[in-house]
Amino acid sequence: MRVISKQPKKQRKARYKSSFHQRQKLMSAPLSSELKAKYHLRNIPVRNGDTVMVMRGDHTGVEGVVEQVNLKGGTVIVEGVSVAKSDGTEVPRPVHPSKIMITKLILKDEIREITLSRGGGE
């Protein structure tokens, strides 16, 4: 049996050193109440094309499509969430997946459909 540490230092180290297939699970975002009722799941990993709403920070309430998922940095780029640089150009603002809520799912992927069916929903 493997001993799991409670030390924050070791928890952070485990996140930094995790492989990309493990990081995908860490990129989970909560589902909206309608999707929770439909699929009987609380959260699911974010994918490109999902429609999400920002729940915390300066861009609270902004709804947009996920343009990019950065597994290495653990962030998501959402359309419409950007900051202005000093020269006036707009730059996308990375958002942590725990600070967004998925409002519409992309169901093109067979693996995602299997994942959603595990919850016992439709």
PDB file of N, CA and C in Angstrom:
ATOM      1  N   MET A   1       0.844  -1.187   0.000  1.00  0.00           N
ATOM      2  CA  MET A   1       0.000   0.000   0.000  1.00  0.00           C
ATOM      3  C   MET A   1       0.885   1.245   0.000  1.00  0.00           C
ATOM      4  N   ARG A   2       0.481   2.219  -0.764  1.00  0.00           N
ATOM      5  CA  ARG A   2       1.263   3.439  -0.902  1.00  0.00           C
ATOM      6  C   ARG A   2       0.822   4.468   0.136  1.00  0.00           C
ATOM      7  N   VAL A   3       1.782   5.087   0.805  1.00  0.00           N
ATOM      8  CA  VAL A   3       1.476   6.112   1.799  1.00  0.00           C
ATOM      9  C   VAL A   3       1.356   7.456   1.087  1.00  0.00           C
ATOM     10  N   ILE A   4       0.269   8.154   1.337  1.00  0.00           N
ATOM     11  CA  ILE A   4       0.037   9.460   0.727  1.00  0.00           C
ATOM     12  C   ILE A   4       0.267  10.536   1.778  1.00  0.00           C
ATOM     13  N   SER A   5       1.084  11.506   1.442  1.00  0.00           N
ATOM     14  CA  SER A   5       1.455  12.556   2.379  1.00  0.00           C
ATOM     15  C   SER A   5       0.391  13.645   2.442  1.00  0.00           C
ATOM     16  N   LYS A   6       0.314  14.299   3.585  1.00  0.00           N
ATOM     17  CA  LYS A   6      -0.569  15.453   3.757  1.00  0.00           C
ATOM     18  C   LYS A   6       0.197  16.767   3.621  1.00  0.00           C
ATOM     19  N   GLN A   7       1.513  16.670   3.522  1.00  0.00           N
ATOM     20  CA  GLN A   7       2.340  17.872   3.497  1.00  0.00           C
ATOM     21  C   GLN A   7       2.101  18.675   2.217  1.00  0.00           C
ATOM     22  N   PRO A   8       1.787  19.970   2.348  1.00  0.00           N
ATOM     23  CA  PRO A   8       1.550  20.804   1.171  1.00  0.00           C
ATOM     24  C   PRO A   8       2.720  20.793   0.196  1.00  0.00           C
ATOM     25  N   LYS A   9       3.941  20.763   0.718  1.00  0.00           N
ATOM     26  CA  LYS A   9       5.134  20.741  -0.125  1.00  0.00           C
ATOM     27  C   LYS A   9       5.111  19.531  -1.068  1.00  0.00           C
ATOM     28  N   LYS A  10       4.737  18.386  -0.536  1.00  0.00           N
ATOM     29  CA  LYS A  10       4.710  17.165  -1.340  1.00  0.00           C
ATOM     30  C   LYS A  10       3.487  17.118  -2.258  1.00  0.00           C
ATOM     31  N   GLN A  11       2.398  17.752  -1.839  1.00  0.00           N
ATOM     32  CA  GLN A  11       1.216  17.838  -2.704  1.00  0.00           C
ATOM     33  C   GLN A  11       1.523  18.687  -3.935  1.00  0.00           C
ATOM     34  N   ARG A  12       2.194  19.836  -3.718  1.00  0.00           N
ATOM     35  CA  ARG A  12       2.584  20.694  -4.840  1.00  0.00           C
ATOM     36  C   ARG A  12       3.554  19.969  -5.763  1.00  0.00           C
ATOM     37  N   LYS A  13       4.524  19.284  -5.172  1.00  0.00           N
ATOM     38  CA  LYS A  13       5.515  18.555  -5.964  1.00  0.00           C
ATOM     39  C   LYS A  13       4.836  17.494  -6.832  1.00  0.00           C
ATOM     40  N   ALA A  14       3.850  16.810  -6.282  1.00  0.00           N
ATOM     41  CA  ALA A  14       3.132  15.781  -7.043  1.00  0.00           C
ATOM     42  C   ALA A  14       2.414  16.396  -8.236  1.00  0.00           C
ATOM     43  N   ARG A  15       1.841  17.583  -8.059  1.00  0.00           N
ATOM     44  CA  ARG A  15       1.171  18.269  -9.172  1.00  0.00           C
ATOM     45  C   ARG A  15       2.174  18.689 -10.242  1.00  0.00           C
ATOM     46  N   TYR A  16       3.316  19.235  -9.823  1.00  0.00           N
ATOM     47  CA  TYR A  16       4.325  19.712 -10.774  1.00  0.00           C
ATOM     48  C   TYR A  16       4.937  18.565 -11.573  1.00  0.00           C
ATOM     49  N   LYS A  17       5.125  17.425 -10.924  1.00  0.00           N
ATOM     50  CA  LYS A  17       5.800  16.304 -11.561  1.00  0.00           C
ATOM     51  C   LYS A  17       4.832  15.319 -12.222  1.00  0.00           C
ATOM     52  N   SER A  18       3.537  15.582 -12.158  1.00  0.00           N
ATOM     53  CA  SER A  18       2.569  14.639 -12.725  1.00  0.00           C
ATOM     54  C   SER A  18       2.662  14.616 -14.247  1.00  0.00           C
ATOM     55  N   SER A  19       2.312  13.468 -14.821  1.00  0.00           N
ATOM     56  CA  SER A  19       2.339  13.314 -16.273  1.00  0.00           C
ATOM     57  C   SER A  19       1.078  13.938 -16.870  1.00  0.00           C
ATOM     58  N   PHE A  20       1.070  14.106 -18.189  1.00  0.00           N
ATOM     59  CA  PHE A  20      -0.018  14.827 -18.840  1.00  0.00           C
ATOM     60  C   PHE A  20      -1.348  14.089 -18.748  1.00  0.00           C
ATOM     61  N   HIS A  21      -1.340  12.763 -18.760  1.00  0.00           N
ATOM     62  CA  HIS A  21      -2.614  12.059 -18.640  1.00  0.00           C
ATOM     63  C   HIS A  21      -3.190  12.195 -17.229  1.00  0.00           C
ATOM     64  N   GLN A  22      -2.335  12.421 -16.230  1.00  0.00           N
ATOM     65  CA  GLN A  22      -2.818  12.677 -14.880  1.00  0.00           C
ATOM     66  C   GLN A  22      -3.258  14.133 -14.732  1.00  0.00           C
ATOM     67  N   ARG A  23      -2.576  15.046 -15.430  1.00  0.00           N
ATOM     68  CA  ARG A  23      -2.939  16.464 -15.358  1.00  0.00           C
ATOM     69  C   ARG A  23      -4.306  16.727 -15.970  1.00  0.00           C
ATOM     70  N   GLN A  24      -4.701  15.908 -16.943  1.00  0.00           N
ATOM     71  CA  GLN A  24      -6.015  16.079 -17.565  1.00  0.00           C
ATOM     72  C   GLN A  24      -7.116  15.978 -16.516  1.00  0.00           C
ATOM     73  N   LYS A  25      -6.961  15.064 -15.556  1.00  0.00           N
ATOM     74  CA  LYS A  25      -7.955  14.930 -14.490  1.00  0.00           C
ATOM     75  C   LYS A  25      -7.954  16.146 -13.571  1.00  0.00           C
ATOM     76  N   LEU A  26      -6.771  16.758 -13.392  1.00  0.00           N
ATOM     77  CA  LEU A  26      -6.670  17.936 -12.534  1.00  0.00           C
ATOM     78  C   LEU A  26      -7.318  19.159 -13.183  1.00  0.00           C
ATOM     79  N   MET A  27      -7.627  19.074 -14.481  1.00  0.00           N
ATOM     80  CA  MET A  27      -8.221  20.190 -15.222  1.00  0.00           C
ATOM     81  C   MET A  27      -9.747  20.117 -15.202  1.00  0.00           C
ATOM     82  N   SER A  28     -10.327  19.552 -14.154  1.00  0.00           N
ATOM     83  CA  SER A  28     -11.777  19.420 -14.068  1.00  0.00           C
ATOM     84  C   SER A  28     -12.415  20.719 -13.609  1.00  0.00           C
ATOM     85  N   ALA A  29     -13.594  20.984 -14.162  1.00  0.00           N
ATOM     86  CA  ALA A  29     -14.373  22.162 -13.785  1.00  0.00           C
ATOM     87  C   ALA A  29     -15.779  21.706 -13.419  1.00  0.00           C
ATOM     88  N   PRO A  30     -16.435  22.398 -12.491  1.00  0.00           N
ATOM     89  CA  PRO A  30     -17.793  22.005 -12.106  1.00  0.00           C
ATOM     90  C   PRO A  30     -18.790  22.213 -13.241  1.00  0.00           C
ATOM     91  N   LEU A  31     -19.834  21.395 -13.241  1.00  0.00           N
ATOM     92  CA  LEU A  31     -20.903  21.507 -14.229  1.00  0.00           C
ATOM     93  C   LEU A  31     -21.994  22.430 -13.709  1.00  0.00           C
ATOM     94  N   SER A  32     -22.757  23.029 -14.615  1.00  0.00           N
ATOM     95  CA  SER A  32     -23.896  23.859 -14.225  1.00  0.00           C
ATOM     96  C   SER A  32     -24.970  22.959 -13.618  1.00  0.00           C
ATOM     97  N   SER A  33     -25.926  23.554 -12.928  1.00  0.00           N
ATOM     98  CA  SER A  33     -26.957  22.765 -12.245  1.00  0.00           C
ATOM     99  C   SER A  33     -27.780  21.931 -13.226  1.00  0.00           C
ATOM    100  N   GLU A  34     -28.028  22.457 -14.442  1.00  0.00           N
ATOM    101  CA  GLU A  34     -28.787  21.696 -15.438  1.00  0.00           C
ATOM    102  C   GLU A  34     -28.005  20.459 -15.882  1.00  0.00           C
ATOM    103  N   LEU A  35     -26.697  20.641 -16.122  1.00  0.00           N
ATOM    104  CA  LEU A  35     -25.870  19.512 -16.551  1.00  0.00           C
ATOM    105  C   LEU A  35     -25.671  18.505 -15.420  1.00  0.00           C
ATOM    106  N   LYS A  36     -25.593  18.995 -14.174  1.00  0.00           N
ATOM    107  CA  LYS A  36     -25.481  18.090 -13.029  1.00  0.00           C
ATOM    108  C   LYS A  36     -26.706  17.189 -12.948  1.00  0.00           C
ATOM    109  N   ALA A  37     -27.884  17.796 -13.118  1.00  0.00           N
ATOM    110  CA  ALA A  37     -29.123  17.023 -13.051  1.00  0.00           C
ATOM    111  C   ALA A  37     -29.213  16.029 -14.208  1.00  0.00           C
ATOM    112  N   LYS A  38     -28.712  16.411 -15.368  1.00  0.00           N
ATOM    113  CA  LYS A  38     -28.812  15.560 -16.555  1.00  0.00           C
ATOM    114  C   LYS A  38     -27.847  14.378 -16.506  1.00  0.00           C
ATOM    115  N   TYR A  39     -26.593  14.629 -16.101  1.00  0.00           N
ATOM    116  CA  TYR A  39     -25.563  13.595 -16.174  1.00  0.00           C
ATOM    117  C   TYR A  39     -25.196  12.978 -14.822  1.00  0.00           C
ATOM    118  N   HIS A  40     -25.699  13.517 -13.720  1.00  0.00           N
ATOM    119  CA  HIS A  40     -25.417  13.016 -12.372  1.00  0.00           C
ATOM    120  C   HIS A  40     -23.921  13.022 -12.062  1.00  0.00           C
ATOM    121  N   LEU A  41     -23.226  14.036 -12.547  1.00  0.00           N
ATOM    122  CA  LEU A  41     -21.811  14.233 -12.262  1.00  0.00           C
ATOM    123  C   LEU A  41     -21.612  15.643 -11.735  1.00  0.00           C
ATOM    124  N   ARG A  42     -20.617  15.814 -10.874  1.00  0.00           N
ATOM    125  CA  ARG A  42     -20.360  17.127 -10.289  1.00  0.00           C
ATOM    126  C   ARG A  42     -19.401  17.952 -11.143  1.00  0.00           C
ATOM    127  N   ASN A  43     -18.331  17.307 -11.637  1.00  0.00           N
ATOM    128  CA  ASN A  43     -17.371  18.010 -12.483  1.00  0.00           C
ATOM    129  C   ASN A  43     -16.806  17.061 -13.529  1.00  0.00           C
ATOM    130  N   ILE A  44     -16.188  17.646 -14.533  1.00  0.00           N
ATOM    131  CA  ILE A  44     -15.636  16.871 -15.647  1.00  0.00           C
ATOM    132  C   ILE A  44     -14.467  17.665 -16.231  1.00  0.00           C
ATOM    133  N   PRO A  45     -13.441  16.990 -16.762  1.00  0.00           N
ATOM    134  CA  PRO A  45     -12.314  17.726 -17.350  1.00  0.00           C
ATOM    135  C   PRO A  45     -12.745  18.620 -18.514  1.00  0.00           C
ATOM    136  N   VAL A  46     -12.161  19.809 -18.581  1.00  0.00           N
ATOM    137  CA  VAL A  46     -12.496  20.797 -19.612  1.00  0.00           C
ATOM    138  C   VAL A  46     -11.834  20.400 -20.928  1.00  0.00           C
ATOM    139  N   ARG A  47     -12.534  20.641 -22.033  1.00  0.00           N
ATOM    140  CA  ARG A  47     -12.000  20.380 -23.373  1.00  0.00           C
ATOM    141  C   ARG A  47     -12.173  21.625 -24.223  1.00  0.00           C
ATOM    142  N   ASN A  48     -11.382  21.706 -25.303  1.00  0.00           N
ATOM    143  CA  ASN A  48     -11.548  22.794 -26.265  1.00  0.00           C
ATOM    144  C   ASN A  48     -12.948  22.723 -26.854  1.00  0.00           C
ATOM    145  N   GLY A  49     -13.618  23.869 -26.939  1.00  0.00           N
ATOM    146  CA  GLY A  49     -14.950  23.926 -27.521  1.00  0.00           C
ATOM    147  C   GLY A  49     -16.067  23.946 -26.501  1.00  0.00           C
ATOM    148  N   ASP A  50     -15.798  23.580 -25.250  1.00  0.00           N
ATOM    149  CA  ASP A  50     -16.824  23.662 -24.211  1.00  0.00           C
ATOM    150  C   ASP A  50     -17.183  25.125 -23.971  1.00  0.00           C
ATOM    151  N   THR A  51     -18.445  25.385 -23.664  1.00  0.00           N
ATOM    152  CA  THR A  51     -18.869  26.727 -23.284  1.00  0.00           C
ATOM    153  C   THR A  51     -18.824  26.813 -21.766  1.00  0.00           C
ATOM    154  N   VAL A  52     -18.138  27.833 -21.258  1.00  0.00           N
ATOM    155  CA  VAL A  52     -17.954  27.974 -19.816  1.00  0.00           C
ATOM    156  C   VAL A  52     -18.305  29.389 -19.366  1.00  0.00           C
ATOM    157  N   MET A  53     -18.547  29.521 -18.065  1.00  0.00           N
ATOM    158  CA  MET A  53     -18.791  30.829 -17.464  1.00  0.00           C
ATOM    159  C   MET A  53     -17.771  31.032 -16.352  1.00  0.00           C
ATOM    160  N   VAL A  54     -17.157  32.200 -16.323  1.00  0.00           N
ATOM    161  CA  VAL A  54     -16.173  32.526 -15.290  1.00  0.00           C
ATOM    162  C   VAL A  54     -16.929  32.872 -14.010  1.00  0.00           C
ATOM    163  N   MET A  55     -16.544  32.233 -12.902  1.00  0.00           N
ATOM    164  CA  MET A  55     -17.260  32.395 -11.641  1.00  0.00           C
ATOM    165  C   MET A  55     -16.531  33.288 -10.634  1.00  0.00           C
ATOM    166  N   ARG A  56     -15.233  33.473 -10.798  1.00  0.00           N
ATOM    167  CA  ARG A  56     -14.453  34.253  -9.845  1.00  0.00           C
ATOM    168  C   ARG A  56     -13.508  35.190 -10.586  1.00  0.00           C
ATOM    169  N   GLY A  57     -13.106  36.255  -9.911  1.00  0.00           N
ATOM    170  CA  GLY A  57     -12.108  37.166 -10.464  1.00  0.00           C
ATOM    171  C   GLY A  57     -12.716  38.378 -11.141  1.00  0.00           C
ATOM    172  N   ASP A  58     -11.874  39.097 -11.871  1.00  0.00           N
ATOM    173  CA  ASP A  58     -12.285  40.334 -12.535  1.00  0.00           C
ATOM    174  C   ASP A  58     -13.277  40.091 -13.661  1.00  0.00           C
ATOM    175  N   HIS A  59     -13.280  38.895 -14.221  1.00  0.00           N
ATOM    176  CA  HIS A  59     -14.139  38.596 -15.370  1.00  0.00           C
ATOM    177  C   HIS A  59     -15.354  37.759 -14.974  1.00  0.00           C
ATOM    178  N   THR A  60     -15.811  37.884 -13.735  1.00  0.00           N
ATOM    179  CA  THR A  60     -16.954  37.119 -13.249  1.00  0.00           C
ATOM    180  C   THR A  60     -18.176  37.363 -14.125  1.00  0.00           C
ATOM    181  N   GLY A  61     -18.834  36.260 -14.508  1.00  0.00           N
ATOM    182  CA  GLY A  61     -20.048  36.358 -15.312  1.00  0.00           C
ATOM    183  C   GLY A  61     -19.825  36.300 -16.806  1.00  0.00           C
ATOM    184  N   VAL A  62     -18.574  36.366 -17.255  1.00  0.00           N
ATOM    185  CA  VAL A  62     -18.280  36.306 -18.689  1.00  0.00           C
ATOM    186  C   VAL A  62     -18.442  34.866 -19.160  1.00  0.00           C
ATOM    187  N   GLU A  63     -19.212  34.695 -20.231  1.00  0.00           N
ATOM    188  CA  GLU A  63     -19.413  33.362 -20.797  1.00  0.00           C
ATOM    189  C   GLU A  63     -18.731  33.300 -22.153  1.00  0.00           C
ATOM    190  N   GLY A  64     -18.011  32.225 -22.394  1.00  0.00           N
ATOM    191  CA  GLY A  64     -17.299  32.083 -23.657  1.00  0.00           C
ATOM    192  C   GLY A  64     -16.909  30.644 -23.921  1.00  0.00           C
ATOM    193  N   VAL A  65     -16.345  30.427 -25.092  1.00  0.00           N
ATOM    194  CA  VAL A  65     -15.920  29.097 -25.515  1.00  0.00           C
ATOM    195  C   VAL A  65     -14.452  28.899 -25.140  1.00  0.00           C
ATOM    196  N   VAL A  66     -14.113  27.696 -24.699  1.00  0.00           N
ATOM    197  CA  VAL A  66     -12.726  27.376 -24.363  1.00  0.00           C
ATOM    198  C   VAL A  66     -11.925  27.293 -25.656  1.00  0.00           C
ATOM    199  N   GLU A  67     -10.913  28.143 -25.770  1.00  0.00           N
ATOM    200  CA  GLU A  67     -10.067  28.162 -26.965  1.00  0.00           C
ATOM    201  C   GLU A  67      -8.863  27.248 -26.813  1.00  0.00           C
ATOM    202  N   GLN A  68      -8.335  27.160 -25.595  1.00  0.00           N
ATOM    203  CA  GLN A  68      -7.117  26.381 -25.380  1.00  0.00           C
ATOM    204  C   GLN A  68      -7.084  25.865 -23.953  1.00  0.00           C
ATOM    205  N   VAL A  69      -6.610  24.630 -23.781  1.00  0.00           N
ATOM    206  CA  VAL A  69      -6.391  24.049 -22.463  1.00  0.00           C
ATOM    207  C   VAL A  69      -4.894  23.816 -22.325  1.00  0.00           C
ATOM    208  N   ASN A  70      -4.284  24.475 -21.354  1.00  0.00           N
ATOM    209  CA  ASN A  70      -2.841  24.385 -21.137  1.00  0.00           C
ATOM    210  C   ASN A  70      -2.581  23.418 -19.983  1.00  0.00           C
ATOM    211  N   LEU A  71      -2.253  22.170 -20.312  1.00  0.00           N
ATOM    212  CA  LEU A  71      -2.014  21.169 -19.276  1.00  0.00           C
ATOM    213  C   LEU A  71      -0.751  21.469 -18.482  1.00  0.00           C
ATOM    214  N   LYS A  72       0.263  21.992 -19.139  1.00  0.00           N
ATOM    215  CA  LYS A  72       1.523  22.274 -18.444  1.00  0.00           C
ATOM    216  C   LYS A  72       1.338  23.357 -17.388  1.00  0.00           C
ATOM    217  N   GLY A  73       0.617  24.412 -17.725  1.00  0.00           N
ATOM    218  CA  GLY A  73       0.399  25.502 -16.785  1.00  0.00           C
ATOM    219  C   GLY A  73      -0.826  25.324 -15.911  1.00  0.00           C
ATOM    220  N   GLY A  74      -1.694  24.374 -16.261  1.00  0.00           N
ATOM    221  CA  GLY A  74      -2.903  24.130 -15.480  1.00  0.00           C
ATOM    222  C   GLY A  74      -3.937  25.223 -15.639  1.00  0.00           C
ATOM    223  N   THR A  75      -3.998  25.844 -16.825  1.00  0.00           N
ATOM    224  CA  THR A  75      -4.928  26.940 -17.053  1.00  0.00           C
ATOM    225  C   THR A  75      -5.745  26.718 -18.320  1.00  0.00           C
ATOM    226  N   VAL A  76      -6.771  27.549 -18.470  1.00  0.00           N
ATOM    227  CA  VAL A  76      -7.673  27.493 -19.617  1.00  0.00           C
ATOM    228  C   VAL A  76      -7.758  28.896 -20.215  1.00  0.00           C
ATOM    229  N   ILE A  77      -7.752  28.985 -21.552  1.00  0.00           N
ATOM    230  CA  ILE A  77      -7.958  30.260 -22.240  1.00  0.00           C
ATOM    231  C   ILE A  77      -9.404  30.279 -22.718  1.00  0.00           C
ATOM    232  N   VAL A  78     -10.162  31.297 -22.273  1.00  0.00           N
ATOM    233  CA  VAL A  78     -11.576  31.425 -22.614  1.00  0.00           C
ATOM    234  C   VAL A  78     -11.757  32.629 -23.531  1.00  0.00           C
ATOM    235  N   GLU A  79     -12.553  32.446 -24.571  1.00  0.00           N
ATOM    236  CA  GLU A  79     -12.853  33.535 -25.505  1.00  0.00           C
ATOM    237  C   GLU A  79     -13.581  34.655 -24.754  1.00  0.00           C
ATOM    238  N   GLY A  80     -13.108  35.874 -24.896  1.00  0.00           N
ATOM    239  CA  GLY A  80     -13.735  37.020 -24.245  1.00  0.00           C
ATOM    240  C   GLY A  80     -13.100  37.406 -22.924  1.00  0.00           C
ATOM    241  N   VAL A  81     -12.176  36.597 -22.423  1.00  0.00           N
ATOM    242  CA  VAL A  81     -11.480  36.916 -21.178  1.00  0.00           C
ATOM    243  C   VAL A  81     -10.067  37.355 -21.549  1.00  0.00           C
ATOM    244  N   SER A  82      -9.840  38.664 -21.503  1.00  0.00           N
ATOM    245  CA  SER A  82      -8.537  39.198 -21.890  1.00  0.00           C
ATOM    246  C   SER A  82      -8.232  40.454 -21.089  1.00  0.00           C
ATOM    247  N   VAL A  83      -6.963  40.838 -21.109  1.00  0.00           N
ATOM    248  CA  VAL A  83      -6.517  42.065 -20.457  1.00  0.00           C
ATOM    249  C   VAL A  83      -5.805  42.918 -21.495  1.00  0.00           C
ATOM    250  N   ALA A  84      -5.814  44.231 -21.271  1.00  0.00           N
ATOM    251  CA  ALA A  84      -5.163  45.155 -22.199  1.00  0.00           C
ATOM    252  C   ALA A  84      -3.745  45.434 -21.721  1.00  0.00           C
ATOM    253  N   LYS A  85      -2.795  45.321 -22.630  1.00  0.00           N
ATOM    254  CA  LYS A  85      -1.418  45.669 -22.321  1.00  0.00           C
ATOM    255  C   LYS A  85      -1.275  47.187 -22.366  1.00  0.00           C
ATOM    256  N   SER A  86      -0.131  47.678 -21.941  1.00  0.00           N
ATOM    257  CA  SER A  86       0.082  49.123 -21.890  1.00  0.00           C
ATOM    258  C   SER A  86       0.050  49.759 -23.273  1.00  0.00           C
ATOM    259  N   ASP A  87       0.377  48.980 -24.318  1.00  0.00           N
ATOM    260  CA  ASP A  87       0.323  49.543 -25.668  1.00  0.00           C
ATOM    261  C   ASP A  87      -1.064  49.404 -26.300  1.00  0.00           C
ATOM    262  N   GLY A  88      -2.024  48.865 -25.554  1.00  0.00           N
ATOM    263  CA  GLY A  88      -3.405  48.791 -26.021  1.00  0.00           C
ATOM    264  C   GLY A  88      -3.822  47.464 -26.627  1.00  0.00           C
ATOM    265  N   THR A  89      -2.887  46.552 -26.849  1.00  0.00           N
ATOM    266  CA  THR A  89      -3.255  45.264 -27.436  1.00  0.00           C
ATOM    267  C   THR A  89      -3.898  44.358 -26.389  1.00  0.00           C
ATOM    268  N   GLU A  90      -4.843  43.546 -26.833  1.00  0.00           N
ATOM    269  CA  GLU A  90      -5.536  42.615 -25.945  1.00  0.00           C
ATOM    270  C   GLU A  90      -4.783  41.285 -25.908  1.00  0.00           C
ATOM    271  N   VAL A  91      -4.598  40.763 -24.695  1.00  0.00           N
ATOM    272  CA  VAL A  91      -3.912  39.493 -24.489  1.00  0.00           C
ATOM    273  C   VAL A  91      -4.847  38.573 -23.709  1.00  0.00           C
ATOM    274  N   PRO A  92      -4.982  37.297 -24.125  1.00  0.00           N
ATOM    275  CA  PRO A  92      -5.861  36.388 -23.377  1.00  0.00           C
ATOM    276  C   PRO A  92      -5.377  36.182 -21.951  1.00  0.00           C
ATOM    277  N   ARG A  93      -6.324  36.128 -21.026  1.00  0.00           N
ATOM    278  CA  ARG A  93      -6.015  35.960 -19.608  1.00  0.00           C
ATOM    279  C   ARG A  93      -6.268  34.508 -19.218  1.00  0.00           C
ATOM    280  N   PRO A  94      -5.234  33.766 -18.783  1.00  0.00           N
ATOM    281  CA  PRO A  94      -5.447  32.376 -18.362  1.00  0.00           C
ATOM    282  C   PRO A  94      -6.319  32.307 -17.108  1.00  0.00           C
ATOM    283  N   VAL A  95      -7.192  31.303 -17.061  1.00  0.00           N
ATOM    284  CA  VAL A  95      -8.104  31.115 -15.935  1.00  0.00           C
ATOM    285  C   VAL A  95      -7.915  29.698 -15.410  1.00  0.00           C
ATOM    286  N   HIS A  96      -7.901  29.545 -14.090  1.00  0.00           N
ATOM    287  CA  HIS A  96      -7.797  28.211 -13.497  1.00  0.00           C
ATOM    288  C   HIS A  96      -9.132  27.492 -13.664  1.00  0.00           C
ATOM    289  N   PRO A  97      -9.119  26.189 -13.976  1.00  0.00           N
ATOM    290  CA  PRO A  97     -10.378  25.480 -14.235  1.00  0.00           C
ATOM    291  C   PRO A  97     -11.330  25.418 -13.044  1.00  0.00           C
ATOM    292  N   SER A  98     -10.828  25.584 -11.822  1.00  0.00           N
ATOM    293  CA  SER A  98     -11.725  25.570 -10.669  1.00  0.00           C
ATOM    294  C   SER A  98     -12.532  26.863 -10.567  1.00  0.00           C
ATOM    295  N   LYS A  99     -12.147  27.889 -11.319  1.00  0.00           N
ATOM    296  CA  LYS A  99     -12.822  29.186 -11.265  1.00  0.00           C
ATOM    297  C   LYS A  99     -13.827  29.370 -12.398  1.00  0.00           C
ATOM    298  N   ILE A 100     -14.078  28.311 -13.170  1.00  0.00           N
ATOM    299  CA  ILE A 100     -15.067  28.384 -14.243  1.00  0.00           C
ATOM    300  C   ILE A 100     -16.116  27.302 -14.032  1.00  0.00           C
ATOM    301  N   MET A 101     -17.259  27.457 -14.710  1.00  0.00           N
ATOM    302  CA  MET A 101     -18.326  26.468 -14.650  1.00  0.00           C
ATOM    303  C   MET A 101     -18.718  26.107 -16.079  1.00  0.00           C
ATOM    304  N   ILE A 102     -18.796  24.825 -16.368  1.00  0.00           N
ATOM    305  CA  ILE A 102     -19.159  24.370 -17.709  1.00  0.00           C
ATOM    306  C   ILE A 102     -20.672  24.500 -17.876  1.00  0.00           C
ATOM    307  N   THR A 103     -21.094  25.230 -18.921  1.00  0.00           N
ATOM    308  CA  THR A 103     -22.521  25.421 -19.178  1.00  0.00           C
ATOM    309  C   THR A 103     -23.009  24.624 -20.380  1.00  0.00           C
ATOM    310  N   LYS A 104     -22.095  24.280 -21.302  1.00  0.00           N
ATOM    311  CA  LYS A 104     -22.466  23.487 -22.474  1.00  0.00           C
ATOM    312  C   LYS A 104     -21.286  22.607 -22.850  1.00  0.00           C
ATOM    313  N   LEU A 105     -21.555  21.309 -23.035  1.00  0.00           N
ATOM    314  CA  LEU A 105     -20.501  20.346 -23.335  1.00  0.00           C
ATOM    315  C   LEU A 105     -20.411  20.054 -24.824  1.00  0.00           C
ATOM    316  N   ILE A 106     -19.213  19.741 -25.275  1.00  0.00           N
ATOM    317  CA  ILE A 106     -18.998  19.232 -26.626  1.00  0.00           C
ATOM    318  C   ILE A 106     -19.057  17.708 -26.528  1.00  0.00           C
ATOM    319  N   LEU A 107     -19.937  17.084 -27.308  1.00  0.00           N
ATOM    320  CA  LEU A 107     -20.134  15.639 -27.218  1.00  0.00           C
ATOM    321  C   LEU A 107     -19.654  14.901 -28.465  1.00  0.00           C
ATOM    322  N   LYS A 108     -18.717  15.479 -29.216  1.00  0.00           N
ATOM    323  CA  LYS A 108     -18.209  14.843 -30.431  1.00  0.00           C
ATOM    324  C   LYS A 108     -17.331  13.632 -30.117  1.00  0.00           C
ATOM    325  N   ASP A 109     -16.697  13.627 -28.965  1.00  0.00           N
ATOM    326  CA  ASP A 109     -15.734  12.598 -28.613  1.00  0.00           C
ATOM    327  C   ASP A 109     -16.434  11.383 -27.998  1.00  0.00           C
ATOM    328  N   GLU A 110     -16.113  10.182 -28.477  1.00  0.00           N
ATOM    329  CA  GLU A 110     -16.717   8.956 -27.952  1.00  0.00           C
ATOM    330  C   GLU A 110     -16.307   8.709 -26.504  1.00  0.00           C
ATOM    331  N   ILE A 111     -15.046   9.013 -26.189  1.00  0.00           N
ATOM    332  CA  ILE A 111     -14.557   8.777 -24.830  1.00  0.00           C
ATOM    333  C   ILE A 111     -15.308   9.652 -23.835  1.00  0.00           C
ATOM    334  N   ARG A 112     -15.621  10.878 -24.228  1.00  0.00           N
ATOM    335  CA  ARG A 112     -16.357  11.768 -23.334  1.00  0.00           C
ATOM    336  C   ARG A 112     -17.780  11.263 -23.120  1.00  0.00           C
ATOM    337  N   GLU A 113     -18.403  10.734 -24.152  1.00  0.00           N
ATOM    338  CA  GLU A 113     -19.747  10.170 -24.011  1.00  0.00           C
ATOM    339  C   GLU A 113     -19.738   8.999 -23.035  1.00  0.00           C
ATOM    340  N   ILE A 114     -18.688   8.176 -23.101  1.00  0.00           N
ATOM    341  CA  ILE A 114     -18.564   7.050 -22.169  1.00  0.00           C
ATOM    342  C   ILE A 114     -18.407   7.570 -20.746  1.00  0.00           C
ATOM    343  N   THR A 115     -17.592   8.608 -20.572  1.00  0.00           N
ATOM    344  CA  THR A 115     -17.383   9.205 -19.251  1.00  0.00           C
ATOM    345  C   THR A 115     -18.690   9.738 -18.681  1.00  0.00           C
ATOM    346  N   LEU A 116     -19.480  10.404 -19.519  1.00  0.00           N
ATOM    347  CA  LEU A 116     -20.748  10.962 -19.062  1.00  0.00           C
ATOM    348  C   LEU A 116     -21.754   9.869 -18.736  1.00  0.00           C
ATOM    349  N   SER A 117     -21.713   8.759 -19.462  1.00  0.00           N
ATOM    350  CA  SER A 117     -22.667   7.678 -19.198  1.00  0.00           C
ATOM    351  C   SER A 117     -22.358   6.954 -17.893  1.00  0.00           C
ATOM    352  N   ARG A 118     -21.119   7.055 -17.399  1.00  0.00           N
ATOM    353  CA  ARG A 118     -20.758   6.420 -16.132  1.00  0.00           C
ATOM    354  C   ARG A 118     -21.514   7.016 -14.955  1.00  0.00           C
ATOM    355  N   GLY A 119     -21.916   8.286 -15.090  1.00  0.00           N
ATOM    356  CA  GLY A 119     -22.627   8.942 -13.999  1.00  0.00           C
ATOM    357  C   GLY A 119     -24.043   8.429 -13.821  1.00  0.00           C
ATOM    358  N   GLY A 120     -24.550   7.693 -14.776  1.00  0.00           N
ATOM    359  CA  GLY A 120     -25.897   7.145 -14.674  1.00  0.00           C
ATOM    360  C   GLY A 120     -26.957   8.061 -15.234  1.00  0.00           C
ATOM    361  N   GLY A 121     -26.549   9.153 -15.880  1.00  0.00           N
ATOM    362  CA  GLY A 121     -27.521  10.080 -16.469  1.00  0.00           C
ATOM    363  C   GLY A 121     -27.931   9.622 -17.846  1.00  0.00           C
ATOM    364  N   GLU A 122     -28.371  10.575 -18.666  1.00  0.00           N
ATOM    365  CA  GLU A 122     -28.861  10.253 -20.008  1.00  0.00           C
ATOM    366  C   GLU A 122     -27.772   9.753 -20.926  1.00  0.00           C
TER     367      GLU A 122
END
